[in-house]
Every structure is written in C-alpha cells, then in structure tokens.
C-alpha atoms as a PDB file:
ATOM      1  CA  MET A   1      -5.221  19.292  10.362  1.00  0.00           C
ATOM      2  CA  LEU A   2      -4.504  18.790   6.656  1.00  0.00           C
ATOM      3  CA  ALA A   3      -1.540  20.508   5.041  1.00  0.00           C
ATOM      4  CA  GLU A   4      -2.317  23.297   2.576  1.00  0.00           C
ATOM      5  CA  ARG A   5      -3.264  21.914  -0.815  1.00  0.00           C
ATOM      6  CA  GLN A   6      -0.765  22.485  -3.617  1.00  0.00           C
ATOM      7  CA  PRO A   7      -1.542  22.867  -7.337  1.00  0.00           C
ATOM      8  CA  VAL A   8      -2.087  19.735  -9.428  1.00  0.00           C
ATOM      9  CA  GLY A   9       1.125  20.451 -11.314  1.00  0.00           C
ATOM     10  CA  SER A  10       3.338  20.335  -8.247  1.00  0.00           C
ATOM     11  CA  SER A  11       5.989  17.636  -8.148  1.00  0.00           C
ATOM     12  CA  LEU A  12       5.362  14.068  -7.098  1.00  0.00           C
ATOM     13  CA  THR A  13       7.905  14.502  -4.304  1.00  0.00           C
ATOM     14  CA  SER A  14       6.053  17.404  -2.734  1.00  0.00           C
ATOM     15  CA  GLU A  15       2.661  15.753  -3.203  1.00  0.00           C
ATOM     16  CA  ALA A  16       3.881  12.543  -1.584  1.00  0.00           C
ATOM     17  CA  ALA A  17       5.453  14.447   1.315  1.00  0.00           C
ATOM     18  CA  ARG A  18       2.229  16.362   1.920  1.00  0.00           C
ATOM     19  CA  VAL A  19       0.086  13.218   1.913  1.00  0.00           C
ATOM     20  CA  ALA A  20       2.580  11.441   4.192  1.00  0.00           C
ATOM     21  CA  SER A  21       2.433  14.367   6.622  1.00  0.00           C
ATOM     22  CA  ASP A  22      -1.355  14.308   6.594  1.00  0.00           C
ATOM     23  CA  VAL A  23      -1.440  10.545   7.239  1.00  0.00           C
ATOM     24  CA  ASP A  24       1.023  10.953  10.123  1.00  0.00           C
ATOM     25  CA  ALA A  25      -1.143  13.712  11.604  1.00  0.00           C
ATOM     26  CA  LEU A  26      -4.273  11.577  11.384  1.00  0.00           C
ATOM     27  CA  PHE A  27      -2.540   8.554  12.909  1.00  0.00           C
ATOM     28  CA  GLY A  28      -1.175  10.802  15.648  1.00  0.00           C
ATOM     29  CA  HIS A  29      -4.709  11.908  16.463  1.00  0.00           C
ATOM     30  CA  TYR A  30      -5.797   8.311  17.027  1.00  0.00           C
ATOM     31  CA  ILE A  31      -2.696   6.930  18.753  1.00  0.00           C
ATOM     32  CA  GLY A  32      -1.593   9.595  21.183  1.00  0.00           C
ATOM     33  CA  GLU A  33      -0.251   8.801  24.658  1.00  0.00           C
ATOM     34  CA  PRO A  34      -3.091   7.196  26.714  1.00  0.00           C
ATOM     35  CA  GLY A  35      -1.381   7.697  30.066  1.00  0.00           C
ATOM     36  CA  ASP A  36      -2.152   4.216  31.402  1.00  0.00           C
ATOM     37  CA  GLY A  37      -1.095   0.584  31.021  1.00  0.00           C
ATOM     38  CA  ARG A  38      -1.624   0.736  27.236  1.00  0.00           C
ATOM     39  CA  SER A  39       1.271   3.170  26.752  1.00  0.00           C
ATOM     40  CA  ARG A  40       3.676   0.531  25.414  1.00  0.00           C
ATOM     41  CA  LEU A  41       1.104  -0.573  22.825  1.00  0.00           C
ATOM     42  CA  PHE A  42       0.501   2.976  21.638  1.00  0.00           C
ATOM     43  CA  GLU A  43       4.250   3.619  21.506  1.00  0.00           C
ATOM     44  CA  ALA A  44       4.683   0.530  19.337  1.00  0.00           C
ATOM     45  CA  MET A  45       1.909   1.728  17.025  1.00  0.00           C
ATOM     46  CA  ARG A  46       3.566   5.125  16.647  1.00  0.00           C
ATOM     47  CA  HIS A  47       6.893   3.371  15.967  1.00  0.00           C
ATOM     48  CA  ALA A  48       5.341   1.385  13.119  1.00  0.00           C
ATOM     49  CA  GLY A  49       2.865   3.879  11.715  1.00  0.00           C
ATOM     50  CA  ILE A  50       4.296   7.370  11.980  1.00  0.00           C
ATOM     51  CA  GLY A  51       7.264   8.437   9.857  1.00  0.00           C
ATOM     52  CA  GLY A  52       8.778   6.526   6.957  1.00  0.00           C
ATOM     53  CA  GLY A  53       7.164   4.514   4.237  1.00  0.00           C
ATOM     54  CA  LYS A  54       6.168   5.498   0.721  1.00  0.00           C
ATOM     55  CA  ARG A  55       2.479   6.109   1.545  1.00  0.00           C
ATOM     56  CA  LEU A  56       1.750   4.926  -1.998  1.00  0.00           C
ATOM     57  CA  ARG A  57      -1.759   3.730  -1.195  1.00  0.00           C
ATOM     58  CA  PRO A  58      -3.130   6.945   0.334  1.00  0.00           C
ATOM     59  CA  LEU A  59      -1.381   8.907  -2.409  1.00  0.00           C
ATOM     60  CA  LEU A  60      -3.209   6.814  -5.009  1.00  0.00           C
ATOM     61  CA  THR A  61      -6.556   7.429  -3.302  1.00  0.00           C
ATOM     62  CA  VAL A  62      -5.976  11.179  -3.121  1.00  0.00           C
ATOM     63  CA  ALA A  63      -4.762  11.297  -6.737  1.00  0.00           C
ATOM     64  CA  THR A  64      -7.758   9.313  -8.047  1.00  0.00           C
ATOM     65  CA  ALA A  65     -10.178  11.379  -5.965  1.00  0.00           C
ATOM     66  CA  ARG A  66      -9.055  14.458  -7.899  1.00  0.00           C
ATOM     67  CA  LEU A  67     -10.493  13.002 -11.071  1.00  0.00           C
ATOM     68  CA  PHE A  68     -13.966  13.082  -9.541  1.00  0.00           C
ATOM     69  CA  GLY A  69     -13.816  16.309  -7.531  1.00  0.00           C
ATOM     70  CA  ILE A  70     -13.913  14.515  -4.174  1.00  0.00           C
ATOM     71  CA  ASP A  71     -13.052  16.523  -1.066  1.00  0.00           C
ATOM     72  CA  GLU A  72      -9.380  15.875  -0.393  1.00  0.00           C
ATOM     73  CA  GLY A  73      -9.769  15.654   3.367  1.00  0.00           C
ATOM     74  CA  ARG A  74     -12.228  12.798   2.986  1.00  0.00           C
ATOM     75  CA  ALA A  75     -10.057  11.068   0.403  1.00  0.00           C
ATOM     76  CA  LEU A  76      -7.141  11.360   2.816  1.00  0.00           C
ATOM     77  CA  ARG A  77      -9.146   9.631   5.540  1.00  0.00           C
ATOM     78  CA  VAL A  78      -9.925   6.723   3.206  1.00  0.00           C
ATOM     79  CA  GLY A  79      -6.275   6.556   2.150  1.00  0.00           C
ATOM     80  CA  ALA A  80      -5.170   6.553   5.792  1.00  0.00           C
ATOM     81  CA  ALA A  81      -7.514   3.648   6.534  1.00  0.00           C
ATOM     82  CA  ILE A  82      -5.932   1.698   3.678  1.00  0.00           C
ATOM     83  CA  GLU A  83      -2.477   2.641   4.960  1.00  0.00           C
ATOM     84  CA  ALA A  84      -3.437   1.411   8.439  1.00  0.00           C
ATOM     85  CA  THR A  85      -4.288  -1.949   6.885  1.00  0.00           C
ATOM     86  CA  HIS A  86      -0.928  -1.948   5.110  1.00  0.00           C
ATOM     87  CA  VAL A  87       0.926  -1.118   8.350  1.00  0.00           C
ATOM     88  CA  TYR A  88      -0.813  -3.948  10.209  1.00  0.00           C
ATOM     89  CA  SER A  89       0.240  -6.363   7.466  1.00  0.00           C
ATOM     90  CA  LEU A  90       3.873  -5.214   7.661  1.00  0.00           C
ATOM     91  CA  ILE A  91       3.994  -5.629  11.441  1.00  0.00           C
ATOM     92  CA  HIS A  92       2.643  -9.173  11.188  1.00  0.00           C
ATOM     93  CA  ASP A  93       4.697 -10.092   8.106  1.00  0.00           C
ATOM     94  CA  ASP A  94       7.890  -9.141   9.951  1.00  0.00           C
ATOM     95  CA  LEU A  95       7.198 -11.500  12.870  1.00  0.00           C
ATOM     96  CA  PRO A  96       9.422 -14.574  13.360  1.00  0.00           C
ATOM     97  CA  CYS A  97       6.497 -16.841  12.440  1.00  0.00           C
ATOM     98  CA  MET A  98       6.227 -15.093   9.052  1.00  0.00           C
ATOM     99  CA  ASP A  99       9.193 -13.441   7.302  1.00  0.00           C
ATOM    100  CA  ASP A 100      11.285 -12.906  10.470  1.00  0.00           C
ATOM    101  CA  ASP A 101      12.670  -9.480   9.548  1.00  0.00           C
ATOM    102  CA  ASP A 102      14.738  -7.226  11.798  1.00  0.00           C
ATOM    103  CA  PHE A 103      14.381  -3.913   9.928  1.00  0.00           C
ATOM    104  CA  ARG A 104      11.529  -2.073   8.249  1.00  0.00           C
ATOM    105  CA  ARG A 105      11.540   1.484   6.897  1.00  0.00           C
ATOM    106  CA  GLY A 106      15.092   1.980   8.159  1.00  0.00           C
ATOM    107  CA  LYS A 107      14.406   1.122  11.800  1.00  0.00           C
ATOM    108  CA  PRO A 108      13.977  -2.027  13.903  1.00  0.00           C
ATOM    109  CA  THR A 109      10.774  -3.952  13.286  1.00  0.00           C
ATOM    110  CA  VAL A 110       8.164  -3.734  16.025  1.00  0.00           C
ATOM    111  CA  HIS A 111       8.865  -7.136  17.550  1.00  0.00           C
ATOM    112  CA  LYS A 112      12.566  -6.205  17.740  1.00  0.00           C
ATOM    113  CA  ALA A 113      12.004  -2.726  19.177  1.00  0.00           C
ATOM    114  CA  PHE A 114       9.407  -4.019  21.664  1.00  0.00           C
ATOM    115  CA  ASP A 115       8.440  -7.710  21.813  1.00  0.00           C
ATOM    116  CA  GLU A 116       6.397 -10.219  19.854  1.00  0.00           C
ATOM    117  CA  ALA A 117       3.223  -9.943  21.925  1.00  0.00           C
ATOM    118  CA  THR A 118       3.205  -6.158  21.634  1.00  0.00           C
ATOM    119  CA  ALA A 119       3.824  -6.425  17.897  1.00  0.00           C
ATOM    120  CA  VAL A 120       0.849  -8.756  17.446  1.00  0.00           C
ATOM    121  CA  LEU A 121      -1.397  -6.360  19.364  1.00  0.00           C
ATOM    122  CA  ALA A 122      -0.073  -3.316  17.487  1.00  0.00           C
ATOM    123  CA  GLY A 123      -0.859  -5.023  14.186  1.00  0.00           C
ATOM    124  CA  ASP A 124      -4.315  -6.003  15.427  1.00  0.00           C
ATOM    125  CA  CYS A 125      -4.995  -2.417  16.472  1.00  0.00           C
ATOM    126  CA  PHE A 126      -3.982  -0.973  13.098  1.00  0.00           C
ATOM    127  CA  HIS A 127      -6.343  -3.475  11.465  1.00  0.00           C
ATOM    128  CA  ASP A 128      -9.156  -2.229  13.707  1.00  0.00           C
ATOM    129  CA  LEU A 129      -8.178   1.422  13.235  1.00  0.00           C
ATOM    130  CA  ALA A 130      -8.631   1.021   9.483  1.00  0.00           C
ATOM    131  CA  PHE A 131     -12.299   0.117   9.903  1.00  0.00           C
ATOM    132  CA  GLU A 132     -12.828   2.745  12.595  1.00  0.00           C
ATOM    133  CA  ILE A 133     -11.660   5.467  10.217  1.00  0.00           C
ATOM    134  CA  MET A 134     -13.471   4.051   7.191  1.00  0.00           C
ATOM    135  CA  SER A 135     -16.855   3.749   8.932  1.00  0.00           C
ATOM    136  CA  ASP A 136     -16.750   7.198  10.584  1.00  0.00           C
ATOM    137  CA  PRO A 137     -19.309   9.691   9.139  1.00  0.00           C
ATOM    138  CA  ALA A 138     -16.419  12.163   8.826  1.00  0.00           C
ATOM    139  CA  THR A 139     -15.097   9.966   6.007  1.00  0.00           C
ATOM    140  CA  HIS A 140     -18.262  10.203   3.904  1.00  0.00           C
ATOM    141  CA  GLU A 141     -21.737  11.528   4.590  1.00  0.00           C
ATOM    142  CA  ASP A 142     -23.491   8.641   2.803  1.00  0.00           C
ATOM    143  CA  PRO A 143     -23.761   5.483   4.986  1.00  0.00           C
ATOM    144  CA  PHE A 144     -24.163   3.324   1.874  1.00  0.00           C
ATOM    145  CA  VAL A 145     -20.847   4.622   0.499  1.00  0.00           C
ATOM    146  CA  ARG A 146     -19.183   3.929   3.848  1.00  0.00           C
ATOM    147  CA  ALA A 147     -20.628   0.421   3.888  1.00  0.00           C
ATOM    148  CA  ASP A 148     -19.265  -0.225   0.379  1.00  0.00           C
ATOM    149  CA  LEU A 149     -15.842   1.065   1.428  1.00  0.00           C
ATOM    150  CA  VAL A 150     -15.786  -1.212   4.474  1.00  0.00           C
ATOM    151  CA  LEU A 151     -16.928  -4.216   2.440  1.00  0.00           C
ATOM    152  CA  GLU A 152     -14.326  -3.735  -0.283  1.00  0.00           C
ATOM    153  CA  LEU A 153     -11.509  -3.084   2.211  1.00  0.00           C
ATOM    154  CA  ALA A 154     -12.389  -6.350   3.944  1.00  0.00           C
ATOM    155  CA  ARG A 155     -12.323  -8.182   0.611  1.00  0.00           C
ATOM    156  CA  ALA A 156      -9.021  -6.602  -0.446  1.00  0.00           C
ATOM    157  CA  SER A 157      -7.297  -7.447   2.834  1.00  0.00           C
ATOM    158  CA  GLY A 158      -8.797 -10.852   3.643  1.00  0.00           C
ATOM    159  CA  PRO A 159      -8.414 -14.414   2.338  1.00  0.00           C
ATOM    160  CA  ASN A 160      -9.310 -13.392  -1.214  1.00  0.00           C
ATOM    161  CA  GLY A 161      -6.848 -10.519  -1.089  1.00  0.00           C
ATOM    162  CA  MET A 162      -3.747  -9.552   0.863  1.00  0.00           C
ATOM    163  CA  ALA A 163      -3.891 -12.208   3.609  1.00  0.00           C
ATOM    164  CA  GLY A 164      -4.594 -14.942   1.078  1.00  0.00           C
ATOM    165  CA  GLY A 165      -1.601 -13.780  -0.939  1.00  0.00           C
ATOM    166  CA  GLN A 166       0.596 -13.941   2.140  1.00  0.00           C
ATOM    167  CA  MET A 167      -0.513 -17.534   2.688  1.00  0.00           C
ATOM    168  CA  LEU A 168       0.381 -18.387  -0.907  1.00  0.00           C
ATOM    169  CA  ASP A 169       3.756 -16.747  -0.323  1.00  0.00           C
ATOM    170  CA  LEU A 170       4.397 -18.794   2.807  1.00  0.00           C
ATOM    171  CA  VAL A 171       3.694 -22.103   1.081  1.00  0.00           C
ATOM    172  CA  ALA A 172       5.683 -21.070  -2.014  1.00  0.00           C
ATOM    173  CA  GLU A 173       9.047 -21.469  -0.299  1.00  0.00           C
ATOM    174  CA  GLY A 174      11.101 -24.052  -2.136  1.00  0.00           C
ATOM    175  CA  GLN A 175       8.428 -24.618  -4.803  1.00  0.00           C
ATOM    176  CA  ALA A 176       9.057 -24.305  -8.543  1.00  0.00           C
ATOM    177  CA  LEU A 177       6.187 -21.932  -9.359  1.00  0.00           C
ATOM    178  CA  GLU A 178       5.473 -20.828 -12.919  1.00  0.00           C
ATOM    179  CA  ILE A 179       4.747 -17.258 -13.998  1.00  0.00           C
ATOM    180  CA  GLY A 180       0.961 -17.558 -13.691  1.00  0.00           C
ATOM    181  CA  ALA A 181       1.171 -18.720 -10.079  1.00  0.00           C
ATOM    182  CA  ILE A 182       3.607 -15.940  -9.162  1.00  0.00           C
ATOM    183  CA  THR A 183       1.356 -13.370 -10.844  1.00  0.00           C
ATOM    184  CA  ARG A 184      -1.701 -14.570  -8.924  1.00  0.00           C
ATOM    185  CA  LEU A 185       0.233 -14.627  -5.629  1.00  0.00           C
ATOM    186  CA  GLN A 186       1.400 -11.044  -6.087  1.00  0.00           C
ATOM    187  CA  GLN A 187      -1.951  -9.768  -7.352  1.00  0.00           C
ATOM    188  CA  LEU A 188      -3.387 -10.893  -4.020  1.00  0.00           C
ATOM    189  CA  LYS A 189      -0.526 -10.126  -1.626  1.00  0.00           C
ATOM    190  CA  THR A 190       0.491  -6.724  -3.032  1.00  0.00           C
ATOM    191  CA  GLY A 191      -1.919  -5.826  -5.797  1.00  0.00           C
ATOM    192  CA  ALA A 192      -5.268  -6.167  -4.004  1.00  0.00           C
ATOM    193  CA  LEU A 193      -4.703  -3.276  -1.600  1.00  0.00           C
ATOM    194  CA  ILE A 194      -3.141  -1.095  -4.305  1.00  0.00           C
ATOM    195  CA  GLU A 195      -6.123  -1.780  -6.548  1.00  0.00           C
ATOM    196  CA  PHE A 196      -8.525  -0.924  -3.747  1.00  0.00           C
ATOM    197  CA  ALA A 197      -6.736   2.392  -3.142  1.00  0.00           C
ATOM    198  CA  VAL A 198      -7.931   3.435  -6.619  1.00  0.00           C
ATOM    199  CA  GLU A 199     -11.309   1.673  -6.430  1.00  0.00           C
ATOM    200  CA  ALA A 200     -12.059   3.443  -3.136  1.00  0.00           C
ATOM    201  CA  ALA A 201     -12.023   6.835  -4.848  1.00  0.00           C
ATOM    202  CA  CYS A 202     -14.437   5.469  -7.473  1.00  0.00           C
ATOM    203  CA  ILE A 203     -16.747   4.326  -4.665  1.00  0.00           C
ATOM    204  CA  MET A 204     -16.558   7.749  -2.999  1.00  0.00           C
ATOM    205  CA  GLY A 205     -17.326   9.416  -6.323  1.00  0.00           C
ATOM    206  CA  ARG A 206     -20.277   7.069  -6.900  1.00  0.00           C
ATOM    207  CA  ILE A 207     -18.790   5.980 -10.235  1.00  0.00           C
ATOM    208  CA  ALA A 208     -20.884   3.173 -11.705  1.00  0.00           C
ATOM    209  CA  PRO A 209     -19.071  -0.203 -11.678  1.00  0.00           C
ATOM    210  CA  GLU A 210     -19.198  -0.458 -15.474  1.00  0.00           C
ATOM    211  CA  ALA A 211     -17.461   2.939 -15.749  1.00  0.00           C
ATOM    212  CA  ARG A 212     -14.556   1.909 -13.513  1.00  0.00           C
ATOM    213  CA  THR A 213     -12.804  -0.264 -16.113  1.00  0.00           C
ATOM    214  CA  PRO A 214      -9.966   2.164 -16.976  1.00  0.00           C
ATOM    215  CA  TYR A 215      -9.230   2.890 -13.313  1.00  0.00           C
ATOM    216  CA  ARG A 216      -9.200  -0.808 -12.458  1.00  0.00           C
ATOM    217  CA  GLY A 217      -6.885  -1.402 -15.406  1.00  0.00           C
ATOM    218  CA  TYR A 218      -4.544   1.351 -14.236  1.00  0.00           C
ATOM    219  CA  ALA A 219      -4.469  -0.016 -10.685  1.00  0.00           C
ATOM    220  CA  ARG A 220      -3.983  -3.626 -11.763  1.00  0.00           C
ATOM    221  CA  ASP A 221      -1.064  -2.701 -14.020  1.00  0.00           C
ATOM    222  CA  ILE A 222       0.786  -0.552 -11.503  1.00  0.00           C
ATOM    223  CA  GLY A 223       0.175  -3.135  -8.779  1.00  0.00           C
ATOM    224  CA  LEU A 224       1.938  -5.766 -10.859  1.00  0.00           C
ATOM    225  CA  ALA A 225       4.632  -3.298 -11.954  1.00  0.00           C
ATOM    226  CA  PHE A 226       5.203  -2.393  -8.301  1.00  0.00           C
ATOM    227  CA  GLN A 227       5.900  -6.018  -7.438  1.00  0.00           C
ATOM    228  CA  MET A 228       8.228  -6.478 -10.411  1.00  0.00           C
ATOM    229  CA  ALA A 229      10.135  -3.386  -9.310  1.00  0.00           C
ATOM    230  CA  ASP A 230      10.198  -4.791  -5.768  1.00  0.00           C
ATOM    231  CA  ASP A 231      11.674  -8.059  -7.038  1.00  0.00           C
ATOM    232  CA  LEU A 232      14.295  -6.103  -8.991  1.00  0.00           C
ATOM    233  CA  LEU A 233      15.080  -4.084  -5.878  1.00  0.00           C
ATOM    234  CA  ASP A 234      15.376  -7.256  -3.800  1.00  0.00           C
ATOM    235  CA  HIS A 235      17.670  -8.687  -6.476  1.00  0.00           C
ATOM    236  CA  ASN A 236      20.176  -5.857  -6.784  1.00  0.00           C
ATOM    237  CA  GLY A 237      19.014  -2.866  -4.728  1.00  0.00           C
ATOM    238  CA  ASP A 238      20.763  -0.954  -1.969  1.00  0.00           C
ATOM    239  CA  GLU A 239      19.758  -1.992   1.554  1.00  0.00           C
ATOM    240  CA  ALA A 240      20.534   1.427   3.030  1.00  0.00           C
ATOM    241  CA  ALA A 241      18.239   3.137   0.521  1.00  0.00           C
ATOM    242  CA  ALA A 242      15.557   0.459   0.851  1.00  0.00           C
ATOM    243  CA  GLY A 243      15.609   0.541   4.653  1.00  0.00           C
ATOM    244  CA  LYS A 244      15.090  -3.219   4.876  1.00  0.00           C
ATOM    245  CA  ARG A 245      16.861  -6.525   4.293  1.00  0.00           C
ATOM    246  CA  LEU A 246      17.221  -7.459   0.624  1.00  0.00           C
ATOM    247  CA  ASN A 247      17.861 -10.746  -1.219  1.00  0.00           C
ATOM    248  CA  LYS A 248      15.340 -12.431   1.077  1.00  0.00           C
ATOM    249  CA  ASP A 249      13.463 -14.314  -1.625  1.00  0.00           C
ATOM    250  CA  ALA A 250      16.560 -15.894  -3.124  1.00  0.00           C
ATOM    251  CA  ALA A 251      17.759 -16.923   0.339  1.00  0.00           C
ATOM    252  CA  ALA A 252      14.352 -18.496   1.061  1.00  0.00           C
ATOM    253  CA  GLY A 253      14.268 -20.320  -2.267  1.00  0.00           C
ATOM    254  CA  LYS A 254      11.209 -18.419  -3.489  1.00  0.00           C
ATOM    255  CA  ALA A 255      10.474 -17.916  -7.160  1.00  0.00           C
ATOM    256  CA  THR A 256      10.128 -14.261  -8.229  1.00  0.00           C
ATOM    257  CA  PHE A 257       9.539 -12.383 -11.465  1.00  0.00           C
ATOM    258  CA  VAL A 258      13.299 -11.850 -11.701  1.00  0.00           C
ATOM    259  CA  SER A 259      14.173 -15.520 -11.128  1.00  0.00           C
ATOM    260  CA  LEU A 260      11.622 -16.611 -13.742  1.00  0.00           C
ATOM    261  CA  LEU A 261      12.039 -13.884 -16.367  1.00  0.00           C
ATOM    262  CA  GLY A 262      15.604 -12.733 -15.789  1.00  0.00           C
ATOM    263  CA  GLU A 263      16.543  -9.214 -14.733  1.00  0.00           C
ATOM    264  CA  GLU A 264      16.396  -7.569 -18.168  1.00  0.00           C
ATOM    265  CA  ARG A 265      13.082  -9.074 -19.206  1.00  0.00           C
ATOM    266  CA  ALA A 266      11.522  -8.296 -15.829  1.00  0.00           C
ATOM    267  CA  ARG A 267      12.658  -4.675 -16.204  1.00  0.00           C
ATOM    268  CA  GLN A 268      11.164  -4.499 -19.705  1.00  0.00           C
ATOM    269  CA  GLN A 269       7.898  -6.030 -18.535  1.00  0.00           C
ATOM    270  CA  CYS A 270       7.707  -3.554 -15.671  1.00  0.00           C
ATOM    271  CA  GLY A 271       8.126  -0.682 -18.141  1.00  0.00           C
ATOM    272  CA  MET A 272       5.432  -2.099 -20.408  1.00  0.00           C
ATOM    273  CA  LEU A 273       2.975  -2.339 -17.512  1.00  0.00           C
ATOM    274  CA  VAL A 274       3.648   1.274 -16.498  1.00  0.00           C
ATOM    275  CA  ALA A 275       3.094   2.480 -20.078  1.00  0.00           C
ATOM    276  CA  GLN A 276      -0.109   0.453 -20.218  1.00  0.00           C
ATOM    277  CA  ALA A 277      -1.290   1.920 -16.914  1.00  0.00           C
ATOM    278  CA  ILE A 278      -0.737   5.452 -18.174  1.00  0.00           C
ATOM    279  CA  ASP A 279      -2.622   4.654 -21.365  1.00  0.00           C
ATOM    280  CA  HIS A 280      -5.693   3.749 -19.304  1.00  0.00           C
ATOM    281  CA  LEU A 281      -5.888   7.446 -18.361  1.00  0.00           C
ATOM    282  CA  HIS A 282      -6.035   8.731 -21.946  1.00  0.00           C
ATOM    283  CA  ASP A 283      -9.496  10.264 -21.455  1.00  0.00           C
ATOM    284  CA  HIS A 284      -8.155  12.552 -18.719  1.00  0.00           C
ATOM    285  CA  GLY A 285      -6.064  15.690 -18.954  1.00  0.00           C
ATOM    286  CA  ALA A 286      -3.920  17.452 -16.365  1.00  0.00           C
ATOM    287  CA  GLU A 287      -6.127  16.261 -13.501  1.00  0.00           C
ATOM    288  CA  ALA A 288      -4.570  12.786 -13.965  1.00  0.00           C
ATOM    289  CA  ASP A 289      -0.962  13.994 -13.997  1.00  0.00           C
ATOM    290  CA  LEU A 290      -0.344  12.855 -10.433  1.00  0.00           C
ATOM    291  CA  LEU A 291      -1.546   9.334 -11.287  1.00  0.00           C
ATOM    292  CA  ARG A 292       0.769   9.312 -14.299  1.00  0.00           C
ATOM    293  CA  ALA A 293       3.683  10.467 -12.138  1.00  0.00           C
ATOM    294  CA  ILE A 294       2.961   7.731  -9.592  1.00  0.00           C
ATOM    295  CA  ALA A 295       3.038   5.102 -12.349  1.00  0.00           C
ATOM    296  CA  ARG A 296       6.443   6.347 -13.543  1.00  0.00           C
ATOM    297  CA  TYR A 297       7.745   6.382  -9.982  1.00  0.00           C
ATOM    298  CA  VAL A 298       6.718   2.744  -9.484  1.00  0.00           C
ATOM    299  CA  GLU A 299       9.079   1.747 -12.286  1.00  0.00           C
ATOM    300  CA  LYS A 300      12.046   3.876 -11.170  1.00  0.00           C
ATOM    301  CA  ARG A 301      11.875   3.630  -7.374  1.00  0.00           C
ATOM    302  CA  ASP A 302      14.909   2.608  -5.330  1.00  0.00           C
ATOM    303  CA  ARG A 303      13.156   1.755  -2.034  1.00  0.00           C
END
C-alpha cells in the first residue's frame, strides 16, 4: 500500500523517505518468505533490496511523472522496476569477480552475508523482477506503453547501457583514459539508468519523442553530475556516512573525473551540470520543484 501523498512543496527528505518506503513495501510484496527451499534466496534478496539506498531512480520517475499528471502509484511501480535493476547490478558488481566489495549501504554485501552462489541468484532474480513489474498491467493499462517501457529498460541496462559501462570500467583498470572515454564509460555505467528513470515517465505520459529534449537534457546532466559527485566522495568522503568502501578507484589505478580534472575543477564542473539541468526545466513551475531539489542534492550529497 502506498504511503499518503504529500504536497509538492514538501521537503526532498520527506519525499525521498516516502518513495523509499513505498519501494520497500512493493519489494516486500514480491519477496516474502516462501516457506520452502528458496528461503535463503528470498532472505538474500530482502537483505539487498529492502532498507537503505538513496532510491534516486524511483524518486526521479515519481518526480517526472508529476509533470504529466501520471498516477503516482503507477509511476512508483515503474520506479521500483528500475530500482530492482539497480539492485541486481550492485549485487553483481560487489562480487569477487567484479569489484570485490565487502560492504554496501552500511551492511555486508550479499556474497559476504550469504555466499557467492546465492548472491548471483539474488541478482538474477532482481533482474527478472524488474521486467515482471514493468510488464504487469497494473503498471500501465496500455500494452504498447508497457512494451516501450520494457524495451527501453532492456536498452538502458544491457550492453549499450549499464552492463556495457561496467565492462568498460573493468577493462579501464591501469589504463590512462582521457576525459572523453571516462565520460562515455560513466554515461553508460551510471547515467543510462538514471536517464531512463526520467524517460520512463515521458513514455508513461505518451510524450512525443521530439518533445522529450528538455527532460533528456536534465537527466543526462544530473547523471554526469552524480558520477562526478561520486568520484569526489570516493576521493575524500566519509566511509561511515557513505556506507561503503571508499578510495577504491585510486587503489585500482582507475582514472576518474577527480584524477583527470583535479578536485576543485571537478567540483566546479559538477555545479555547472546541476545548474544546467535545472535550466532545462525553465518551462515548468512549482510542479518541477522536486526535480530541481533532486538536482541540487546530487551536487551536495555525502553518501
């Protein structure tokens, strides 16, 4: 059941908490205790998917949906499907064969809390859950809209999106990449799913592709700003606040926006991208305030 909707002017903190609670409730509906030999798998999924995390992607979908008068419950379902894709990627990225991380969102990673085989299956199941939610008639009454959502989620998360970006990241270790290569890597690995979180609301609202330019511009800019802020956080953030291991990229010999631009210039560039993202919303009034607040948060976040 969705939490009671608050006014558009309510704070980003309360909006984010409400969306996070709604996502947790929806995940809980799908991954309750099965009472059989799958219990360990479902427990691992709850460990990874319920509680913690910024829920930025579903928040972006809900915030963009407001611009077009889309039912918030349906927007939340789309956002949760995108979040499920994000959770699967985190589970797999943390595995020893990838980034080999011990902590995520302030608790042990799934392969540490359970085992590697269970972690692989939990990630696989979140990947499948994303498409189960997205293709359900409860998400949208129009089968053509649902088909478009499924198609674009697959593109955003596959070899021409998030997974392709992760591959570029894996082969980047020890390489002297220039700024264009780093930008492309991050636009795929991090930006593609963030961009789709905004695009998905446009699809639900049946906004013509040629009319989506400002929303795509907003999403592209905050996606890149998010990664710059992440690099800054990895460079000099607080591990307790972040809930994960920091300074990983430097230890792995990976080029980042901070290593290429320097801390101060990277911070300035991040601010410029956020300002640019907000400017893309100039045709909207108060209904876009949550999107503006999200953009500002991306620049200032500490986790």
